[in-house]
């Protein structure tokens, strides 16, 4: 069920570019992840949204898999998702309806058995781990 907490509060700030030039350690530099959900410390979902056909850079892939794997190693459930959208550049992306195209689960990247929305995939994950 959508709620107002997920809306962008300050569109101007959301559009502001971030300069990470001073945050470089050899080949290690920051990456961004589009979303992180924490369900009471028992289950976590990380997701990245990409325009349809856009590749997932290797650095983002590594960040998602390492964080998801580390969370799982600590005893919580974790899911990493890559979802794609077809949205005009001047239109807000509806993340809930983006199509999940890759899943990081139990130390492996997987292709989904069938295409589902980001919302539906997360809802099914929460049912599976028995969380509301």
N, C-alpha and C. Protein backbone atom coordinates (compact mmCIF):
# COMPACT_ATOMS: atom_id res chain seq x y z
N UNK A 1 0.85 -1.17 0.00
CA UNK A 1 0.00 0.00 0.00
C UNK A 1 0.89 1.24 0.00
N UNK A 2 0.74 2.11 -0.96
CA UNK A 2 1.56 3.33 -1.01
C UNK A 2 1.31 4.22 0.20
N UNK A 3 2.33 4.93 0.60
CA UNK A 3 2.20 5.87 1.70
C UNK A 3 2.94 7.15 1.34
N UNK A 4 2.63 8.23 2.02
CA UNK A 4 3.25 9.51 1.68
C UNK A 4 4.72 9.56 2.08
N UNK A 5 5.19 8.66 2.93
CA UNK A 5 6.59 8.68 3.36
C UNK A 5 7.55 8.41 2.22
N UNK A 6 7.09 7.81 1.13
CA UNK A 6 7.96 7.49 0.03
C UNK A 6 8.07 8.58 -1.02
N UNK A 7 7.42 9.70 -0.79
CA UNK A 7 7.46 10.77 -1.78
C UNK A 7 8.73 11.61 -1.64
N UNK A 8 9.14 12.22 -2.73
CA UNK A 8 10.31 13.11 -2.70
C UNK A 8 9.89 14.40 -2.01
N UNK A 9 10.59 14.74 -0.95
CA UNK A 9 10.22 15.93 -0.17
C UNK A 9 10.80 17.21 -0.75
N UNK A 10 11.96 17.11 -1.36
CA UNK A 10 12.60 18.31 -1.90
C UNK A 10 13.19 17.96 -3.27
N UNK A 11 12.42 18.21 -4.31
CA UNK A 11 12.83 17.86 -5.67
C UNK A 11 14.12 18.58 -6.07
N UNK A 12 14.30 19.80 -5.62
CA UNK A 12 15.51 20.55 -5.96
C UNK A 12 16.74 19.86 -5.40
N UNK A 13 16.69 19.44 -4.15
CA UNK A 13 17.82 18.73 -3.54
C UNK A 13 18.05 17.38 -4.20
N UNK A 14 16.98 16.71 -4.59
CA UNK A 14 17.11 15.41 -5.25
C UNK A 14 17.85 15.54 -6.57
N UNK A 15 17.72 16.68 -7.23
CA UNK A 15 18.38 16.90 -8.52
C UNK A 15 19.82 17.39 -8.38
N UNK A 16 20.21 17.79 -7.17
CA UNK A 16 21.54 18.34 -6.95
C UNK A 16 22.60 17.25 -7.15
N UNK A 17 23.63 17.55 -7.94
CA UNK A 17 24.70 16.60 -8.20
C UNK A 17 25.59 16.45 -6.96
N UNK A 18 26.14 15.26 -6.79
CA UNK A 18 27.07 15.01 -5.70
C UNK A 18 28.46 14.82 -6.30
N UNK A 19 29.47 15.43 -5.71
CA UNK A 19 30.84 15.32 -6.18
C UNK A 19 31.60 14.42 -5.22
N UNK A 20 31.99 13.24 -5.71
CA UNK A 20 32.70 12.27 -4.88
C UNK A 20 34.20 12.24 -5.17
N UNK A 21 34.70 13.26 -5.86
CA UNK A 21 36.10 13.28 -6.27
C UNK A 21 37.05 13.08 -5.08
N UNK A 22 36.74 13.66 -3.95
CA UNK A 22 37.61 13.55 -2.78
C UNK A 22 37.45 12.26 -2.01
N UNK A 23 36.60 11.36 -2.48
CA UNK A 23 36.36 10.09 -1.81
C UNK A 23 36.84 8.94 -2.68
N UNK A 24 38.16 8.86 -2.83
CA UNK A 24 38.75 7.84 -3.69
C UNK A 24 39.93 7.20 -2.97
N UNK A 25 39.91 5.89 -2.87
CA UNK A 25 40.99 5.12 -2.29
C UNK A 25 41.42 4.10 -3.33
N UNK A 26 42.50 4.40 -4.05
CA UNK A 26 42.95 3.56 -5.17
C UNK A 26 41.79 3.39 -6.15
N UNK A 27 41.28 2.19 -6.32
CA UNK A 27 40.17 1.96 -7.25
C UNK A 27 38.81 1.94 -6.55
N UNK A 28 38.79 2.26 -5.27
CA UNK A 28 37.54 2.24 -4.50
C UNK A 28 36.96 3.65 -4.46
N UNK A 29 35.76 3.78 -4.99
CA UNK A 29 35.04 5.05 -5.00
C UNK A 29 33.58 4.77 -4.62
N UNK A 30 32.84 5.79 -4.21
CA UNK A 30 31.45 5.58 -3.82
C UNK A 30 30.57 5.14 -5.00
N UNK A 31 29.56 4.41 -4.65
CA UNK A 31 28.50 4.07 -5.60
C UNK A 31 27.19 4.42 -4.94
N UNK A 32 26.16 4.59 -5.71
CA UNK A 32 24.86 4.84 -5.10
C UNK A 32 23.97 3.63 -5.33
N UNK A 33 23.14 3.39 -4.38
CA UNK A 33 22.12 2.35 -4.46
C UNK A 33 20.79 3.10 -4.34
N UNK A 34 19.86 2.80 -5.23
CA UNK A 34 18.63 3.58 -5.26
C UNK A 34 17.71 3.37 -4.06
N UNK A 35 17.74 2.20 -3.47
CA UNK A 35 16.85 1.99 -2.33
C UNK A 35 17.36 0.94 -1.37
N UNK A 36 17.07 1.17 -0.09
CA UNK A 36 17.39 0.22 0.97
C UNK A 36 16.19 0.20 1.91
N UNK A 37 15.65 -0.98 2.13
CA UNK A 37 14.55 -1.16 3.06
C UNK A 37 15.03 -2.02 4.22
N UNK A 38 14.76 -1.60 5.44
CA UNK A 38 15.13 -2.33 6.65
C UNK A 38 13.84 -2.70 7.37
N UNK A 39 13.54 -3.98 7.41
CA UNK A 39 12.34 -4.46 8.08
C UNK A 39 12.70 -4.95 9.48
N UNK A 40 12.91 -3.96 10.36
CA UNK A 40 13.16 -4.26 11.77
C UNK A 40 14.44 -5.01 12.05
N UNK A 41 15.43 -4.91 11.17
CA UNK A 41 16.69 -5.60 11.40
C UNK A 41 16.63 -7.10 11.10
N UNK A 42 15.46 -7.58 10.69
CA UNK A 42 15.30 -9.02 10.40
C UNK A 42 15.40 -9.33 8.92
N UNK A 43 15.06 -8.37 8.08
CA UNK A 43 15.12 -8.56 6.64
C UNK A 43 15.45 -7.22 5.98
N UNK A 44 16.25 -7.29 4.93
CA UNK A 44 16.70 -6.10 4.22
C UNK A 44 16.53 -6.31 2.72
N UNK A 45 16.20 -5.23 2.02
CA UNK A 45 16.12 -5.26 0.57
C UNK A 45 16.91 -4.07 0.04
N UNK A 46 17.87 -4.34 -0.84
CA UNK A 46 18.59 -3.29 -1.56
C UNK A 46 18.15 -3.36 -3.00
N UNK A 47 17.90 -2.21 -3.62
CA UNK A 47 17.53 -2.27 -5.03
C UNK A 47 18.15 -1.12 -5.81
N UNK A 48 18.36 -1.42 -7.07
CA UNK A 48 18.89 -0.46 -8.03
C UNK A 48 17.93 -0.39 -9.20
N UNK A 49 17.59 0.81 -9.63
CA UNK A 49 16.72 1.03 -10.78
C UNK A 49 17.57 1.44 -11.97
N UNK A 50 17.29 0.85 -13.12
CA UNK A 50 18.00 1.17 -14.35
C UNK A 50 16.98 1.40 -15.45
N UNK A 51 17.31 2.31 -16.36
CA UNK A 51 16.49 2.46 -17.56
C UNK A 51 16.58 1.15 -18.34
N UNK A 52 15.51 0.80 -19.01
CA UNK A 52 15.48 -0.45 -19.76
C UNK A 52 16.70 -0.57 -20.67
N UNK A 53 17.41 -1.69 -20.54
CA UNK A 53 18.58 -1.94 -21.36
C UNK A 53 19.88 -1.38 -20.84
N UNK A 54 19.83 -0.52 -19.82
CA UNK A 54 21.06 0.06 -19.26
C UNK A 54 21.79 -1.00 -18.43
N UNK A 55 23.10 -1.11 -18.58
CA UNK A 55 23.84 -2.13 -17.83
C UNK A 55 24.01 -1.73 -16.36
N UNK A 56 24.17 -2.73 -15.53
CA UNK A 56 24.52 -2.51 -14.13
C UNK A 56 26.04 -2.48 -14.05
N UNK A 57 26.64 -1.34 -13.68
CA UNK A 57 28.10 -1.29 -13.59
C UNK A 57 28.62 -2.33 -12.59
N UNK A 58 29.80 -2.87 -12.87
CA UNK A 58 30.38 -3.91 -12.02
C UNK A 58 30.53 -3.45 -10.57
N UNK A 59 30.88 -2.19 -10.37
CA UNK A 59 31.03 -1.69 -9.00
C UNK A 59 29.71 -1.74 -8.22
N UNK A 60 28.62 -1.37 -8.86
CA UNK A 60 27.32 -1.46 -8.20
C UNK A 60 26.94 -2.91 -7.94
N UNK A 61 27.21 -3.77 -8.91
CA UNK A 61 26.92 -5.19 -8.74
C UNK A 61 27.67 -5.75 -7.53
N UNK A 62 28.96 -5.44 -7.45
CA UNK A 62 29.77 -5.90 -6.32
C UNK A 62 29.26 -5.35 -4.99
N UNK A 63 28.90 -4.07 -4.97
CA UNK A 63 28.40 -3.46 -3.73
C UNK A 63 27.14 -4.16 -3.27
N UNK A 64 26.20 -4.37 -4.19
CA UNK A 64 24.95 -5.03 -3.81
C UNK A 64 25.23 -6.44 -3.31
N UNK A 65 26.01 -7.22 -4.06
CA UNK A 65 26.21 -8.60 -3.64
C UNK A 65 26.97 -8.70 -2.32
N UNK A 66 27.96 -7.84 -2.11
CA UNK A 66 28.74 -7.92 -0.87
C UNK A 66 27.91 -7.50 0.34
N UNK A 67 27.10 -6.47 0.20
CA UNK A 67 26.26 -6.04 1.32
C UNK A 67 25.20 -7.09 1.61
N UNK A 68 24.53 -7.60 0.59
CA UNK A 68 23.50 -8.63 0.79
C UNK A 68 24.12 -9.87 1.43
N UNK A 69 25.26 -10.31 0.91
CA UNK A 69 25.91 -11.50 1.48
C UNK A 69 26.34 -11.28 2.92
N UNK A 70 26.85 -10.09 3.23
CA UNK A 70 27.27 -9.80 4.61
C UNK A 70 26.08 -9.79 5.56
N UNK A 71 24.98 -9.23 5.11
CA UNK A 71 23.77 -9.22 5.95
C UNK A 71 23.32 -10.65 6.22
N UNK A 72 23.29 -11.47 5.16
CA UNK A 72 22.88 -12.86 5.33
C UNK A 72 23.84 -13.61 6.25
N UNK A 73 25.14 -13.32 6.14
CA UNK A 73 26.13 -13.96 7.03
C UNK A 73 25.89 -13.60 8.48
N UNK A 74 25.31 -12.43 8.71
CA UNK A 74 25.00 -12.00 10.06
C UNK A 74 23.70 -12.56 10.61
N UNK A 75 22.98 -13.35 9.81
CA UNK A 75 21.79 -14.02 10.31
C UNK A 75 20.46 -13.40 9.93
N UNK A 76 20.48 -12.28 9.22
CA UNK A 76 19.22 -11.68 8.77
C UNK A 76 18.97 -12.10 7.32
N UNK A 77 17.75 -11.94 6.88
CA UNK A 77 17.41 -12.19 5.49
C UNK A 77 17.78 -10.96 4.67
N UNK A 78 18.23 -11.17 3.45
CA UNK A 78 18.57 -10.05 2.58
C UNK A 78 18.30 -10.41 1.13
N UNK A 79 17.89 -9.40 0.39
CA UNK A 79 17.58 -9.58 -1.02
C UNK A 79 18.13 -8.36 -1.77
N UNK A 80 18.84 -8.60 -2.86
CA UNK A 80 19.31 -7.53 -3.72
C UNK A 80 18.55 -7.62 -5.04
N UNK A 81 18.04 -6.50 -5.52
CA UNK A 81 17.23 -6.49 -6.72
C UNK A 81 17.71 -5.44 -7.70
N UNK A 82 17.68 -5.78 -8.97
CA UNK A 82 17.90 -4.82 -10.05
C UNK A 82 16.60 -4.80 -10.83
N UNK A 83 16.05 -3.61 -10.99
CA UNK A 83 14.78 -3.47 -11.71
C UNK A 83 14.94 -2.43 -12.81
N UNK A 84 14.23 -2.64 -13.90
CA UNK A 84 14.31 -1.68 -15.00
C UNK A 84 12.97 -1.02 -15.22
N UNK A 85 13.07 0.18 -15.81
CA UNK A 85 11.88 0.98 -16.07
C UNK A 85 11.96 1.60 -17.44
N UNK A 86 10.81 1.98 -17.94
CA UNK A 86 10.72 2.74 -19.19
C UNK A 86 10.03 4.05 -18.81
N UNK A 87 10.83 5.06 -18.54
CA UNK A 87 10.29 6.33 -18.07
C UNK A 87 10.99 7.47 -18.79
N UNK A 88 10.23 8.43 -19.25
CA UNK A 88 10.82 9.60 -19.90
C UNK A 88 11.68 10.35 -18.88
N UNK A 89 12.74 10.97 -19.35
CA UNK A 89 13.69 11.66 -18.48
C UNK A 89 13.05 12.77 -17.67
N UNK A 90 11.97 13.36 -18.15
CA UNK A 90 11.32 14.46 -17.44
C UNK A 90 10.14 14.00 -16.58
N UNK A 91 10.04 12.69 -16.34
CA UNK A 91 8.94 12.11 -15.57
C UNK A 91 9.50 11.34 -14.38
N UNK A 92 8.83 11.41 -13.26
CA UNK A 92 9.26 10.65 -12.07
C UNK A 92 9.13 9.15 -12.34
N UNK A 93 10.10 8.40 -11.89
CA UNK A 93 10.09 6.94 -12.03
C UNK A 93 9.23 6.36 -10.93
N UNK A 94 8.24 5.55 -11.28
CA UNK A 94 7.42 4.84 -10.30
C UNK A 94 8.14 3.55 -9.97
N UNK A 95 8.95 3.57 -8.93
CA UNK A 95 9.80 2.43 -8.58
C UNK A 95 8.97 1.17 -8.31
N UNK A 96 7.80 1.31 -7.76
CA UNK A 96 6.98 0.15 -7.40
C UNK A 96 6.64 -0.72 -8.60
N UNK A 97 6.49 -0.11 -9.77
CA UNK A 97 6.08 -0.88 -10.94
C UNK A 97 7.26 -1.26 -11.84
N UNK A 98 8.47 -0.88 -11.48
CA UNK A 98 9.65 -1.28 -12.25
C UNK A 98 9.74 -2.80 -12.26
N UNK A 99 10.25 -3.36 -13.34
CA UNK A 99 10.31 -4.81 -13.51
C UNK A 99 11.63 -5.37 -13.00
N UNK A 100 11.57 -6.32 -12.10
CA UNK A 100 12.78 -6.94 -11.53
C UNK A 100 13.40 -7.85 -12.59
N UNK A 101 14.69 -7.62 -12.87
CA UNK A 101 15.38 -8.41 -13.90
C UNK A 101 16.53 -9.24 -13.34
N UNK A 102 16.99 -8.93 -12.13
CA UNK A 102 18.05 -9.71 -11.47
C UNK A 102 17.80 -9.73 -9.98
N UNK A 103 18.17 -10.84 -9.37
CA UNK A 103 17.95 -11.02 -7.94
C UNK A 103 19.24 -11.56 -7.31
N UNK A 104 19.67 -10.93 -6.22
CA UNK A 104 20.79 -11.46 -5.43
C UNK A 104 20.18 -12.11 -4.19
N UNK A 105 20.39 -13.40 -4.06
CA UNK A 105 19.77 -14.16 -2.98
C UNK A 105 20.65 -15.36 -2.67
N UNK A 106 20.96 -15.55 -1.42
CA UNK A 106 21.75 -16.69 -0.97
C UNK A 106 23.04 -16.86 -1.77
N UNK A 107 23.79 -15.76 -1.83
CA UNK A 107 25.13 -15.73 -2.43
C UNK A 107 25.16 -16.04 -3.93
N UNK A 108 24.07 -15.76 -4.62
CA UNK A 108 24.04 -16.02 -6.05
C UNK A 108 23.15 -15.00 -6.75
N UNK A 109 23.59 -14.56 -7.94
CA UNK A 109 22.74 -13.74 -8.79
C UNK A 109 21.84 -14.68 -9.58
N UNK A 110 20.56 -14.34 -9.68
CA UNK A 110 19.60 -15.18 -10.38
C UNK A 110 18.73 -14.34 -11.30
N UNK A 111 18.25 -14.99 -12.34
CA UNK A 111 17.23 -14.38 -13.18
C UNK A 111 15.89 -14.77 -12.57
N UNK A 112 14.94 -13.85 -12.48
CA UNK A 112 13.64 -14.22 -11.93
C UNK A 112 12.95 -15.25 -12.82
N UNK A 113 12.20 -16.15 -12.18
CA UNK A 113 11.47 -17.18 -12.93
C UNK A 113 10.42 -16.54 -13.84
N UNK A 114 9.84 -15.46 -13.36
CA UNK A 114 8.90 -14.70 -14.19
C UNK A 114 9.06 -13.22 -13.82
N UNK A 115 8.70 -12.36 -14.75
CA UNK A 115 8.87 -10.93 -14.52
C UNK A 115 7.78 -10.41 -13.60
N UNK A 116 8.21 -9.74 -12.54
CA UNK A 116 7.29 -9.16 -11.56
C UNK A 116 7.74 -7.73 -11.26
N UNK A 117 6.82 -6.97 -10.72
CA UNK A 117 7.16 -5.61 -10.31
C UNK A 117 8.04 -5.65 -9.07
N UNK A 118 8.71 -4.54 -8.82
CA UNK A 118 9.53 -4.42 -7.62
C UNK A 118 8.67 -4.61 -6.38
N UNK A 119 7.52 -3.97 -6.35
CA UNK A 119 6.61 -4.09 -5.19
C UNK A 119 6.19 -5.54 -4.97
N UNK A 120 5.78 -6.22 -6.02
CA UNK A 120 5.32 -7.60 -5.89
C UNK A 120 6.46 -8.51 -5.44
N UNK A 121 7.65 -8.30 -5.97
CA UNK A 121 8.80 -9.11 -5.58
C UNK A 121 9.12 -8.92 -4.10
N UNK A 122 9.09 -7.70 -3.63
CA UNK A 122 9.37 -7.44 -2.21
C UNK A 122 8.27 -8.02 -1.33
N UNK A 123 7.01 -7.86 -1.74
CA UNK A 123 5.90 -8.44 -0.98
C UNK A 123 6.05 -9.96 -0.85
N UNK A 124 6.42 -10.61 -1.93
CA UNK A 124 6.60 -12.08 -1.90
C UNK A 124 7.78 -12.46 -1.01
N UNK A 125 8.84 -11.69 -1.05
CA UNK A 125 9.98 -11.93 -0.16
C UNK A 125 9.55 -11.83 1.30
N UNK A 126 8.78 -10.79 1.62
CA UNK A 126 8.32 -10.61 3.00
C UNK A 126 7.40 -11.74 3.44
N UNK A 127 6.57 -12.23 2.54
CA UNK A 127 5.72 -13.40 2.86
C UNK A 127 6.61 -14.61 3.14
N UNK A 128 7.65 -14.79 2.32
CA UNK A 128 8.52 -15.94 2.46
C UNK A 128 9.27 -15.93 3.79
N UNK A 129 9.70 -14.74 4.22
CA UNK A 129 10.43 -14.65 5.50
C UNK A 129 9.48 -14.40 6.67
N UNK A 130 8.18 -14.44 6.38
CA UNK A 130 7.14 -14.31 7.41
C UNK A 130 7.17 -12.99 8.14
N UNK A 131 7.29 -11.91 7.36
CA UNK A 131 7.22 -10.55 7.92
C UNK A 131 6.02 -9.83 7.32
N UNK A 132 5.40 -8.96 8.10
CA UNK A 132 4.23 -8.23 7.58
C UNK A 132 4.61 -7.21 6.52
